[in-house]
PDB file of N, CA and C in Angstrom:
ATOM      1  N   MET A   1      53.391  -8.685  -4.976  1.00  0.00           N
ATOM      2  CA  MET A   1      53.602  -8.668  -3.966  1.00  0.00           C
ATOM      3  C   MET A   1      52.422  -8.905  -3.361  1.00  0.00           C
ATOM      4  N   ASN A   2      52.203  -9.944  -2.377  1.00  0.00           N
ATOM      5  CA  ASN A   2      50.948 -10.400  -1.689  1.00  0.00           C
ATOM      6  C   ASN A   2      51.675  -9.910  -0.090  1.00  0.00           C
ATOM      7  N   ILE A   3      50.456  -9.363   0.243  1.00  0.00           N
ATOM      8  CA  ILE A   3      50.510  -9.586   1.458  1.00  0.00           C
ATOM      9  C   ILE A   3      49.278  -9.576   2.242  1.00  0.00           C
ATOM     10  N   MET A   4      49.510 -10.675   2.989  1.00  0.00           N
ATOM     11  CA  MET A   4      48.144 -11.344   3.821  1.00  0.00           C
ATOM     12  C   MET A   4      47.961 -10.919   5.175  1.00  0.00           C
ATOM     13  N   VAL A   5      46.782 -10.310   5.666  1.00  0.00           N
ATOM     14  CA  VAL A   5      46.320  -9.014   6.664  1.00  0.00           C
ATOM     15  C   VAL A   5      45.363 -10.619   7.580  1.00  0.00           C
ATOM     16  N   GLU A   6      46.065 -11.325   8.865  1.00  0.00           N
ATOM     17  CA  GLU A   6      44.917 -11.734   9.636  1.00  0.00           C
ATOM     18  C   GLU A   6      43.970 -11.005  10.388  1.00  0.00           C
ATOM     19  N   LEU A   7      42.709 -11.415   9.551  1.00  0.00           N
ATOM     20  CA  LEU A   7      41.715 -10.289  10.933  1.00  0.00           C
ATOM     21  C   LEU A   7      41.250 -11.338  12.099  1.00  0.00           C
ATOM     22  N   THR A   8      41.131 -10.403  13.442  1.00  0.00           N
ATOM     23  CA  THR A   8      40.445 -11.678  14.472  1.00  0.00           C
ATOM     24  C   THR A   8      39.060 -11.479  14.128  1.00  0.00           C
ATOM     25  N   ARG A   9      38.733 -12.394  15.563  1.00  0.00           N
ATOM     26  CA  ARG A   9      36.941 -12.643  15.022  1.00  0.00           C
ATOM     27  C   ARG A   9      36.273 -11.312  15.823  1.00  0.00           C
ATOM     28  N   ASP A  10      36.396 -10.909  16.274  1.00  0.00           N
ATOM     29  CA  ASP A  10      36.026  -9.447  16.704  1.00  0.00           C
ATOM     30  C   ASP A  10      36.257  -8.819  15.722  1.00  0.00           C
ATOM     31  N   GLN A  11      37.005  -8.220  14.951  1.00  0.00           N
ATOM     32  CA  GLN A  11      37.461  -7.215  13.609  1.00  0.00           C
ATOM     33  C   GLN A  11      36.150  -8.027  12.327  1.00  0.00           C
ATOM     34  N   ILE A  12      35.983  -9.347  12.559  1.00  0.00           N
ATOM     35  CA  ILE A  12      34.901  -9.943  11.499  1.00  0.00           C
ATOM     36  C   ILE A  12      33.116  -9.583  11.881  1.00  0.00           C
ATOM     37  N   ALA A  13      33.633  -9.822  12.934  1.00  0.00           N
ATOM     38  CA  ALA A  13      31.862  -9.937  13.798  1.00  0.00           C
ATOM     39  C   ALA A  13      31.561  -8.220  13.827  1.00  0.00           C
ATOM     40  N   ALA A  14      32.076  -7.318  13.641  1.00  0.00           N
ATOM     41  CA  ALA A  14      32.139  -6.244  13.755  1.00  0.00           C
ATOM     42  C   ALA A  14      32.158  -5.940  12.285  1.00  0.00           C
ATOM     43  N   ALA A  15      32.253  -6.557  11.324  1.00  0.00           N
ATOM     44  CA  ALA A  15      32.499  -5.937  10.118  1.00  0.00           C
ATOM     45  C   ALA A  15      30.699  -6.684   9.266  1.00  0.00           C
ATOM     46  N   ASN A  16      30.354  -7.905   9.711  1.00  0.00           N
ATOM     47  CA  ASN A  16      29.279  -8.447  10.022  1.00  0.00           C
ATOM     48  C   ASN A  16      28.229  -7.578  10.440  1.00  0.00           C
ATOM     49  N   GLU A  17      28.426  -7.043  11.620  1.00  0.00           N
ATOM     50  CA  GLU A  17      27.313  -6.394  11.882  1.00  0.00           C
ATOM     51  C   GLU A  17      27.000  -4.846  10.932  1.00  0.00           C
ATOM     52  N   ARG A  18      28.229  -4.345  10.863  1.00  0.00           N
ATOM     53  CA  ARG A  18      28.109  -2.695   9.711  1.00  0.00           C
ATOM     54  C   ARG A  18      26.914  -3.578   8.586  1.00  0.00           C
ATOM     55  N   GLY A  19      27.850  -4.386   7.807  1.00  0.00           N
ATOM     56  CA  GLY A  19      26.973  -5.165   6.506  1.00  0.00           C
ATOM     57  C   GLY A  19      25.479  -5.286   6.952  1.00  0.00           C
ATOM     58  N   ARG A  20      25.061  -5.815   8.441  1.00  0.00           N
ATOM     59  CA  ARG A  20      23.951  -6.107   8.757  1.00  0.00           C
ATOM     60  C   ARG A  20      22.862  -4.603   8.800  1.00  0.00           C
ATOM     61  N   ILE A  21      23.663  -3.849   9.469  1.00  0.00           N
ATOM     62  CA  ILE A  21      23.223  -2.370  10.077  1.00  0.00           C
ATOM     63  C   ILE A  21      23.170  -1.595   8.261  1.00  0.00           C
ATOM     64  N   VAL A  22      24.135  -1.741   7.155  1.00  0.00           N
ATOM     65  CA  VAL A  22      23.662  -1.084   5.707  1.00  0.00           C
ATOM     66  C   VAL A  22      22.897  -1.717   5.570  1.00  0.00           C
ATOM     67  N   ARG A  23      22.298  -3.506   5.292  1.00  0.00           N
ATOM     68  CA  ARG A  23      21.137  -4.013   4.531  1.00  0.00           C
ATOM     69  C   ARG A  23      19.595  -3.738   5.482  1.00  0.00           C
ATOM     70  N   GLU A  24      19.905  -3.194   6.227  1.00  0.00           N
ATOM     71  CA  GLU A  24      18.656  -2.952   7.162  1.00  0.00           C
ATOM     72  C   GLU A  24      18.362  -1.320   7.348  1.00  0.00           C
ATOM     73  N   THR A  25      19.231  -1.005   6.530  1.00  0.00           N
ATOM     74  CA  THR A  25      19.115   0.916   6.721  1.00  0.00           C
ATOM     75  C   THR A  25      19.188   1.703   5.421  1.00  0.00           C
ATOM     76  N   GLN A  26      19.571   1.080   4.388  1.00  0.00           N
ATOM     77  CA  GLN A  26      19.563   1.754   2.928  1.00  0.00           C
ATOM     78  C   GLN A  26      19.174   0.811   2.256  1.00  0.00           C
ATOM     79  N   PRO A  27      18.201   1.378   1.064  1.00  0.00           N
ATOM     80  CA  PRO A  27      17.352   0.882  -0.329  1.00  0.00           C
ATOM     81  C   PRO A  27      18.192   0.267  -0.895  1.00  0.00           C
ATOM     82  N   HIS A  28      17.376  -1.431  -1.329  1.00  0.00           N
ATOM     83  CA  HIS A  28      18.176  -1.978  -1.958  1.00  0.00           C
ATOM     84  C   HIS A  28      17.249  -2.505  -3.044  1.00  0.00           C
ATOM     85  N   ALA A  29      17.744  -2.925  -3.996  1.00  0.00           N
ATOM     86  CA  ALA A  29      16.542  -3.279  -4.740  1.00  0.00           C
ATOM     87  C   ALA A  29      15.878  -5.217  -4.867  1.00  0.00           C
ATOM     88  N   LYS A  30      15.068  -5.527  -5.205  1.00  0.00           N
ATOM     89  CA  LYS A  30      14.474  -6.769  -5.335  1.00  0.00           C
ATOM     90  C   LYS A  30      14.436  -6.809  -6.574  1.00  0.00           C
ATOM     91  N   ALA A  31      14.082  -6.135  -8.128  1.00  0.00           N
ATOM     92  CA  ALA A  31      14.092  -6.567  -9.004  1.00  0.00           C
ATOM     93  C   ALA A  31      13.796  -5.130  -9.827  1.00  0.00           C
ATOM     94  N   ALA A  32      14.268  -4.792 -10.927  1.00  0.00           N
ATOM     95  CA  ALA A  32      14.074  -3.804 -11.409  1.00  0.00           C
ATOM     96  C   ALA A  32      13.173  -3.699 -13.258  1.00  0.00           C
ATOM     97  N   ARG A  33      12.808  -2.924 -13.852  1.00  0.00           N
ATOM     98  CA  ARG A  33      12.806  -3.217 -14.813  1.00  0.00           C
ATOM     99  C   ARG A  33      12.332  -1.627 -15.946  1.00  0.00           C
ATOM    100  N   TYR A  34      11.995  -1.803 -16.893  1.00  0.00           N
ATOM    101  CA  TYR A  34      11.969  -0.555 -17.820  1.00  0.00           C
ATOM    102  C   TYR A  34      10.327  -0.857 -18.444  1.00  0.00           C
ATOM    103  N   ASP A  35       9.786   0.017 -18.004  1.00  0.00           N
ATOM    104  CA  ASP A  35       8.320   0.496 -18.572  1.00  0.00           C
ATOM    105  C   ASP A  35       8.511   1.323 -19.300  1.00  0.00           C
ATOM    106  N   ALA A  36       8.273   1.031 -20.436  1.00  0.00           N
ATOM    107  CA  ALA A  36       8.460   1.846 -21.743  1.00  0.00           C
ATOM    108  C   ALA A  36       7.185   2.296 -21.841  1.00  0.00           C
ATOM    109  N   LYS A  37       5.711   2.066 -21.798  1.00  0.00           N
ATOM    110  CA  LYS A  37       4.487   3.325 -21.473  1.00  0.00           C
ATOM    111  C   LYS A  37       4.705   4.020 -20.714  1.00  0.00           C
ATOM    112  N   ALA A  38       5.174   4.061 -19.661  1.00  0.00           N
ATOM    113  CA  ALA A  38       5.428   5.342 -18.757  1.00  0.00           C
ATOM    114  C   ALA A  38       6.736   6.184 -18.910  1.00  0.00           C
ATOM    115  N   ASP A  39       7.914   4.643 -19.505  1.00  0.00           N
ATOM    116  CA  ASP A  39       8.611   5.967 -19.819  1.00  0.00           C
ATOM    117  C   ASP A  39       9.238   6.052 -18.753  1.00  0.00           C
ATOM    118  N   ARG A  40       9.405   5.116 -17.461  1.00  0.00           N
ATOM    119  CA  ARG A  40      10.430   4.966 -16.313  1.00  0.00           C
ATOM    120  C   ARG A  40      10.853   3.388 -16.163  1.00  0.00           C
ATOM    121  N   VAL A  41      12.462   3.664 -15.551  1.00  0.00           N
ATOM    122  CA  VAL A  41      12.567   2.801 -14.604  1.00  0.00           C
ATOM    123  C   VAL A  41      12.094   2.470 -13.285  1.00  0.00           C
ATOM    124  N   VAL A  42      11.493   1.437 -13.372  1.00  0.00           N
ATOM    125  CA  VAL A  42      10.249   0.829 -11.948  1.00  0.00           C
ATOM    126  C   VAL A  42      11.410  -0.112 -10.911  1.00  0.00           C
ATOM    127  N   VAL A  43      11.689   0.386  -9.799  1.00  0.00           N
ATOM    128  CA  VAL A  43      13.054  -0.587  -8.951  1.00  0.00           C
ATOM    129  C   VAL A  43      12.210  -0.776  -8.031  1.00  0.00           C
ATOM    130  N   ASP A  44      11.643  -2.201  -7.552  1.00  0.00           N
ATOM    131  CA  ASP A  44      10.834  -2.774  -6.155  1.00  0.00           C
ATOM    132  C   ASP A  44      11.762  -2.884  -5.400  1.00  0.00           C
ATOM    133  N   LEU A  45      11.836  -1.979  -4.127  1.00  0.00           N
ATOM    134  CA  LEU A  45      12.669  -2.212  -3.029  1.00  0.00           C
ATOM    135  C   LEU A  45      12.459  -3.086  -2.235  1.00  0.00           C
ATOM    136  N   THR A  46      13.272  -3.687  -1.018  1.00  0.00           N
ATOM    137  CA  THR A  46      13.406  -4.950  -0.476  1.00  0.00           C
ATOM    138  C   THR A  46      12.494  -4.500   0.458  1.00  0.00           C
ATOM    139  N   ASN A  47      11.885  -3.550   0.660  1.00  0.00           N
ATOM    140  CA  ASN A  47      11.007  -3.052   2.096  1.00  0.00           C
ATOM    141  C   ASN A  47       9.764  -2.848   1.643  1.00  0.00           C
ATOM    142  N   GLY A  48       9.216  -2.942   0.243  1.00  0.00           N
ATOM    143  CA  GLY A  48       8.067  -3.174  -0.544  1.00  0.00           C
ATOM    144  C   GLY A  48       7.973  -2.052  -0.413  1.00  0.00           C
ATOM    145  N   ALA A  49       8.518  -1.241  -0.615  1.00  0.00           N
ATOM    146  CA  ALA A  49       8.551   0.689  -1.539  1.00  0.00           C
ATOM    147  C   ALA A  49       8.988   0.277  -3.244  1.00  0.00           C
ATOM    148  N   THR A  50       8.803   0.788  -4.107  1.00  0.00           N
ATOM    149  CA  THR A  50       8.825   0.816  -5.123  1.00  0.00           C
ATOM    150  C   THR A  50       9.558   2.420  -5.644  1.00  0.00           C
ATOM    151  N   PHE A  51      10.584   2.390  -6.522  1.00  0.00           N
ATOM    152  CA  PHE A  51      10.855   3.913  -7.444  1.00  0.00           C
ATOM    153  C   PHE A  51      10.833   4.380  -7.911  1.00  0.00           C
ATOM    154  N   ALA A  52      10.924   4.836  -9.014  1.00  0.00           N
ATOM    155  CA  ALA A  52      10.276   5.284 -10.524  1.00  0.00           C
ATOM    156  C   ALA A  52      11.168   6.357 -10.755  1.00  0.00           C
ATOM    157  N   PHE A  53      12.117   6.286 -12.225  1.00  0.00           N
ATOM    158  CA  PHE A  53      12.193   7.724 -12.460  1.00  0.00           C
ATOM    159  C   PHE A  53      12.449   7.248 -13.969  1.00  0.00           C
ATOM    160  N   PRO A  54      12.519   8.359 -15.339  1.00  0.00           N
ATOM    161  CA  PRO A  54      12.173   8.886 -16.518  1.00  0.00           C
ATOM    162  C   PRO A  54      13.546   8.614 -16.592  1.00  0.00           C
ATOM    163  N   PRO A  55      14.406   7.709 -17.265  1.00  0.00           N
ATOM    164  CA  PRO A  55      15.629   7.859 -17.800  1.00  0.00           C
ATOM    165  C   PRO A  55      16.421   8.917 -18.734  1.00  0.00           C
ATOM    166  N   ARG A  56      15.518  10.014 -19.037  1.00  0.00           N
ATOM    167  CA  ARG A  56      16.266  11.057 -19.849  1.00  0.00           C
ATOM    168  C   ARG A  56      16.622  11.986 -18.216  1.00  0.00           C
ATOM    169  N   LEU A  57      16.442  11.820 -16.919  1.00  0.00           N
ATOM    170  CA  LEU A  57      17.532  12.665 -16.044  1.00  0.00           C
ATOM    171  C   LEU A  57      18.985  11.504 -16.072  1.00  0.00           C
ATOM    172  N   VAL A  58      19.102  10.468 -16.528  1.00  0.00           N
ATOM    173  CA  VAL A  58      20.096   9.362 -15.842  1.00  0.00           C
ATOM    174  C   VAL A  58      21.192  10.092 -16.804  1.00  0.00           C
ATOM    175  N   GLU A  59      22.120  10.252 -16.140  1.00  0.00           N
ATOM    176  CA  GLU A  59      23.591  10.161 -17.300  1.00  0.00           C
ATOM    177  C   GLU A  59      23.536   8.825 -17.878  1.00  0.00           C
ATOM    178  N   GLY A  60      24.122   9.002 -18.901  1.00  0.00           N
ATOM    179  CA  GLY A  60      24.337   7.493 -19.960  1.00  0.00           C
ATOM    180  C   GLY A  60      23.077   6.540 -20.289  1.00  0.00           C
ATOM    181  N   LEU A  61      21.709   7.428 -20.053  1.00  0.00           N
ATOM    182  CA  LEU A  61      20.556   7.275 -20.056  1.00  0.00           C
ATOM    183  C   LEU A  61      19.499   7.711 -20.608  1.00  0.00           C
ATOM    184  N   HIS A  62      20.362   8.795 -20.636  1.00  0.00           N
ATOM    185  CA  HIS A  62      19.417   9.917 -21.440  1.00  0.00           C
ATOM    186  C   HIS A  62      19.051  10.210 -22.935  1.00  0.00           C
ATOM    187  N   ASP A  63      20.121   9.451 -23.539  1.00  0.00           N
ATOM    188  CA  ASP A  63      19.660   8.969 -24.863  1.00  0.00           C
ATOM    189  C   ASP A  63      19.620   7.536 -25.502  1.00  0.00           C
ATOM    190  N   ALA A  64      19.410   6.605 -24.526  1.00  0.00           N
ATOM    191  CA  ALA A  64      19.544   5.417 -24.788  1.00  0.00           C
ATOM    192  C   ALA A  64      18.117   5.218 -25.688  1.00  0.00           C
ATOM    193  N   SER A  65      18.220   3.671 -25.941  1.00  0.00           N
ATOM    194  CA  SER A  65      17.370   3.484 -26.741  1.00  0.00           C
ATOM    195  C   SER A  65      15.961   2.318 -25.557  1.00  0.00           C
ATOM    196  N   PRO A  66      14.807   2.390 -26.049  1.00  0.00           N
ATOM    197  CA  PRO A  66      14.609   1.617 -25.030  1.00  0.00           C
ATOM    198  C   PRO A  66      14.509   0.314 -24.895  1.00  0.00           C
ATOM    199  N   ALA A  67      14.837  -0.279 -26.244  1.00  0.00           N
ATOM    200  CA  ALA A  67      15.768  -1.490 -26.072  1.00  0.00           C
ATOM    201  C   ALA A  67      17.238  -2.112 -24.899  1.00  0.00           C
ATOM    202  N   GLU A  68      17.785  -0.716 -24.851  1.00  0.00           N
ATOM    203  CA  GLU A  68      19.118  -0.637 -23.922  1.00  0.00           C
ATOM    204  C   GLU A  68      18.956  -0.351 -22.591  1.00  0.00           C
ATOM    205  N   ILE A  69      17.237   0.467 -22.417  1.00  0.00           N
ATOM    206  CA  ILE A  69      17.559   0.765 -21.164  1.00  0.00           C
ATOM    207  C   ILE A  69      16.737  -0.603 -20.663  1.00  0.00           C
ATOM    208  N   ALA A  70      16.117  -1.427 -21.234  1.00  0.00           N
ATOM    209  CA  ALA A  70      15.326  -2.131 -20.811  1.00  0.00           C
ATOM    210  C   ALA A  70      15.827  -3.784 -20.433  1.00  0.00           C
ATOM    211  N   GLU A  71      17.206  -3.388 -20.441  1.00  0.00           N
ATOM    212  CA  GLU A  71      18.359  -4.129 -20.137  1.00  0.00           C
ATOM    213  C   GLU A  71      18.752  -4.097 -19.069  1.00  0.00           C
ATOM    214  N   VAL A  72      18.140  -3.572 -17.979  1.00  0.00           N
ATOM    215  CA  VAL A  72      18.345  -3.283 -16.698  1.00  0.00           C
ATOM    216  C   VAL A  72      18.617  -4.706 -16.078  1.00  0.00           C
ATOM    217  N   GLU A  73      20.055  -4.427 -15.048  1.00  0.00           N
ATOM    218  CA  GLU A  73      19.358  -5.633 -13.921  1.00  0.00           C
ATOM    219  C   GLU A  73      19.849  -5.457 -12.823  1.00  0.00           C
ATOM    220  N   VAL A  74      19.415  -5.882 -11.460  1.00  0.00           N
ATOM    221  CA  VAL A  74      20.131  -6.003 -10.386  1.00  0.00           C
ATOM    222  C   VAL A  74      21.435  -6.577 -10.223  1.00  0.00           C
ATOM    223  N   ILE A  75      22.370  -5.473  -9.779  1.00  0.00           N
ATOM    224  CA  ILE A  75      23.646  -6.086  -9.008  1.00  0.00           C
ATOM    225  C   ILE A  75      23.926  -6.142  -7.705  1.00  0.00           C
ATOM    226  N   GLY A  76      24.699  -6.437  -7.251  1.00  0.00           N
ATOM    227  CA  GLY A  76      25.599  -6.398  -5.844  1.00  0.00           C
ATOM    228  C   GLY A  76      24.905  -6.381  -4.699  1.00  0.00           C
ATOM    229  N   ARG A  77      24.142  -7.659  -4.261  1.00  0.00           N
ATOM    230  CA  ARG A  77      22.814  -8.169  -3.366  1.00  0.00           C
ATOM    231  C   ARG A  77      21.442  -6.930  -3.411  1.00  0.00           C
ATOM    232  N   GLY A  78      21.576  -6.332  -5.097  1.00  0.00           N
ATOM    233  CA  GLY A  78      20.744  -5.154  -4.841  1.00  0.00           C
ATOM    234  C   GLY A  78      20.617  -4.046  -4.187  1.00  0.00           C
ATOM    235  N   PHE A  79      22.496  -3.712  -3.835  1.00  0.00           N
ATOM    236  CA  PHE A  79      22.768  -2.142  -3.975  1.00  0.00           C
ATOM    237  C   PHE A  79      22.591  -1.603  -5.395  1.00  0.00           C
ATOM    238  N   GLY A  80      22.679  -2.468  -6.130  1.00  0.00           N
ATOM    239  CA  GLY A  80      23.369  -1.393  -8.028  1.00  0.00           C
ATOM    240  C   GLY A  80      22.472  -2.113  -9.008  1.00  0.00           C
ATOM    241  N   LEU A  81      22.220  -1.224  -9.652  1.00  0.00           N
ATOM    242  CA  LEU A  81      21.801  -1.240 -10.939  1.00  0.00           C
ATOM    243  C   LEU A  81      22.387  -1.169 -12.589  1.00  0.00           C
ATOM    244  N   HIS A  82      22.493  -2.082 -13.205  1.00  0.00           N
ATOM    245  CA  HIS A  82      23.697  -1.984 -14.131  1.00  0.00           C
ATOM    246  C   HIS A  82      23.216  -2.400 -15.742  1.00  0.00           C
ATOM    247  N   TRP A  83      23.505  -1.276 -16.725  1.00  0.00           N
ATOM    248  CA  TRP A  83      23.097  -1.897 -18.041  1.00  0.00           C
ATOM    249  C   TRP A  83      24.219  -2.504 -18.781  1.00  0.00           C
ATOM    250  N   GLY A  84      24.461  -3.693 -18.843  1.00  0.00           N
ATOM    251  CA  GLY A  84      25.322  -3.966 -19.582  1.00  0.00           C
ATOM    252  C   GLY A  84      25.879  -3.683 -20.707  1.00  0.00           C
ATOM    253  N   THR A  85      25.255  -3.377 -21.979  1.00  0.00           N
ATOM    254  CA  THR A  85      25.239  -2.791 -23.007  1.00  0.00           C
ATOM    255  C   THR A  85      25.603  -1.457 -22.883  1.00  0.00           C
ATOM    256  N   LEU A  86      25.338  -0.615 -22.189  1.00  0.00           N
ATOM    257  CA  LEU A  86      25.621   0.796 -22.078  1.00  0.00           C
ATOM    258  C   LEU A  86      26.750   0.917 -21.406  1.00  0.00           C
ATOM    259  N   ASP A  87      27.526  -0.466 -20.498  1.00  0.00           N
ATOM    260  CA  ASP A  87      28.357  -0.300 -19.547  1.00  0.00           C
ATOM    261  C   ASP A  87      28.620   0.889 -18.523  1.00  0.00           C
ATOM    262  N   LEU A  88      26.894   0.763 -18.343  1.00  0.00           N
ATOM    263  CA  LEU A  88      26.753   1.981 -16.900  1.00  0.00           C
ATOM    264  C   LEU A  88      26.496   1.176 -15.810  1.00  0.00           C
ATOM    265  N   ASP A  89      26.183   1.596 -14.703  1.00  0.00           N
ATOM    266  CA  ASP A  89      26.170   1.079 -13.594  1.00  0.00           C
ATOM    267  C   ASP A  89      26.072   2.828 -12.434  1.00  0.00           C
ATOM    268  N   TYR A  90      24.413   2.109 -11.509  1.00  0.00           N
ATOM    269  CA  TYR A  90      24.203   3.179 -10.408  1.00  0.00           C
ATOM    270  C   TYR A  90      24.186   2.508  -9.419  1.00  0.00           C
ATOM    271  N   THR A  91      24.367   3.196  -7.984  1.00  0.00           N
ATOM    272  CA  THR A  91      24.084   2.436  -7.241  1.00  0.00           C
ATOM    273  C   THR A  91      22.456   3.214  -6.429  1.00  0.00           C
ATOM    274  N   VAL A  92      21.316   1.866  -5.997  1.00  0.00           N
ATOM    275  CA  VAL A  92      20.466   1.879  -5.981  1.00  0.00           C
ATOM    276  C   VAL A  92      20.423   3.212  -4.711  1.00  0.00           C
ATOM    277  N   PRO A  93      21.209   3.178  -3.920  1.00  0.00           N
ATOM    278  CA  PRO A  93      20.570   4.371  -2.613  1.00  0.00           C
ATOM    279  C   PRO A  93      21.166   5.607  -3.408  1.00  0.00           C
ATOM    280  N   GLY A  94      22.399   5.689  -4.644  1.00  0.00           N
ATOM    281  CA  GLY A  94      22.277   6.940  -5.298  1.00  0.00           C
ATOM    282  C   GLY A  94      21.580   7.614  -6.169  1.00  0.00           C
ATOM    283  N   LEU A  95      20.533   6.656  -6.533  1.00  0.00           N
ATOM    284  CA  LEU A  95      19.370   7.100  -7.416  1.00  0.00           C
ATOM    285  C   LEU A  95      18.077   7.523  -6.618  1.00  0.00           C
ATOM    286  N   VAL A  96      17.784   6.689  -5.490  1.00  0.00           N
ATOM    287  CA  VAL A  96      16.790   7.080  -4.665  1.00  0.00           C
ATOM    288  C   VAL A  96      17.108   8.702  -4.009  1.00  0.00           C
ATOM    289  N   ASN A  97      18.224   8.919  -3.808  1.00  0.00           N
ATOM    290  CA  ASN A  97      18.638  10.204  -3.369  1.00  0.00           C
ATOM    291  C   ASN A  97      19.050  11.223  -4.189  1.00  0.00           C
ATOM    292  N   GLY A  98      18.397  10.714  -5.727  1.00  0.00           N
ATOM    293  CA  GLY A  98      18.606  12.006  -6.903  1.00  0.00           C
ATOM    294  C   GLY A  98      19.703  12.401  -7.256  1.00  0.00           C
ATOM    295  N   VAL A  99      20.757  11.111  -7.284  1.00  0.00           N
ATOM    296  CA  VAL A  99      22.049  11.086  -8.083  1.00  0.00           C
ATOM    297  C   VAL A  99      21.859  10.274  -8.965  1.00  0.00           C
ATOM    298  N   PHE A 100      21.852  11.224 -10.117  1.00  0.00           N
ATOM    299  CA  PHE A 100      21.174  10.321 -11.611  1.00  0.00           C
ATOM    300  C   PHE A 100      22.750  10.734 -12.440  1.00  0.00           C
ATOM    301  N   GLY A 101      24.005  11.032 -11.865  1.00  0.00           N
ATOM    302  CA  GLY A 101      25.306  11.220 -12.869  1.00  0.00           C
ATOM    303  C   GLY A 101      26.122  12.147 -12.153  1.00  0.00           C
ATOM    304  N   THR A 102      27.155  12.575 -12.540  1.00  0.00           N
ATOM    305  CA  THR A 102      28.145  13.015 -12.057  1.00  0.00           C
ATOM    306  C   THR A 102      27.953  14.380 -12.151  1.00  0.00           C
ATOM    307  N   ALA A 103      28.660  15.733 -11.024  1.00  0.00           N
ATOM    308  CA  ALA A 103      28.491  16.654 -10.592  1.00  0.00           C
ATOM    309  C   ALA A 103      28.147  17.304 -11.815  1.00  0.00           C
ATOM    310  N   LYS A 104      28.965  17.126 -12.864  1.00  0.00           N
ATOM    311  CA  LYS A 104      28.863  17.883 -14.106  1.00  0.00           C
ATOM    312  C   LYS A 104      27.691  17.709 -14.671  1.00  0.00           C
ATOM    313  N   TRP A 105      27.016  17.158 -14.617  1.00  0.00           N
ATOM    314  CA  TRP A 105      25.852  16.359 -14.995  1.00  0.00           C
ATOM    315  C   TRP A 105      24.649  16.823 -14.565  1.00  0.00           C
TER     316      TRP A 105
END
């Protein structure tokens, strides 16, 4: 069953404005890499700041090999990080705010 919803120009404009605000106020990545020597995932943010964290803190990365950790890629217009081999995704705002896994983790 397909339901088509028509959006008004005002609704589209409001959604675009919300997106602009998110892009301007929430951290997002322009690049990410694994620095094996420092044992840190390094995320370069679009605002010029750099954020780094040790993979041992992150659920799903804590026992990954250096080669697996190095497969990090930026996704979702910079709002996510993805490790394909590990089938693992994290949001950049979540990581910046110290969310390194589930509540149980």
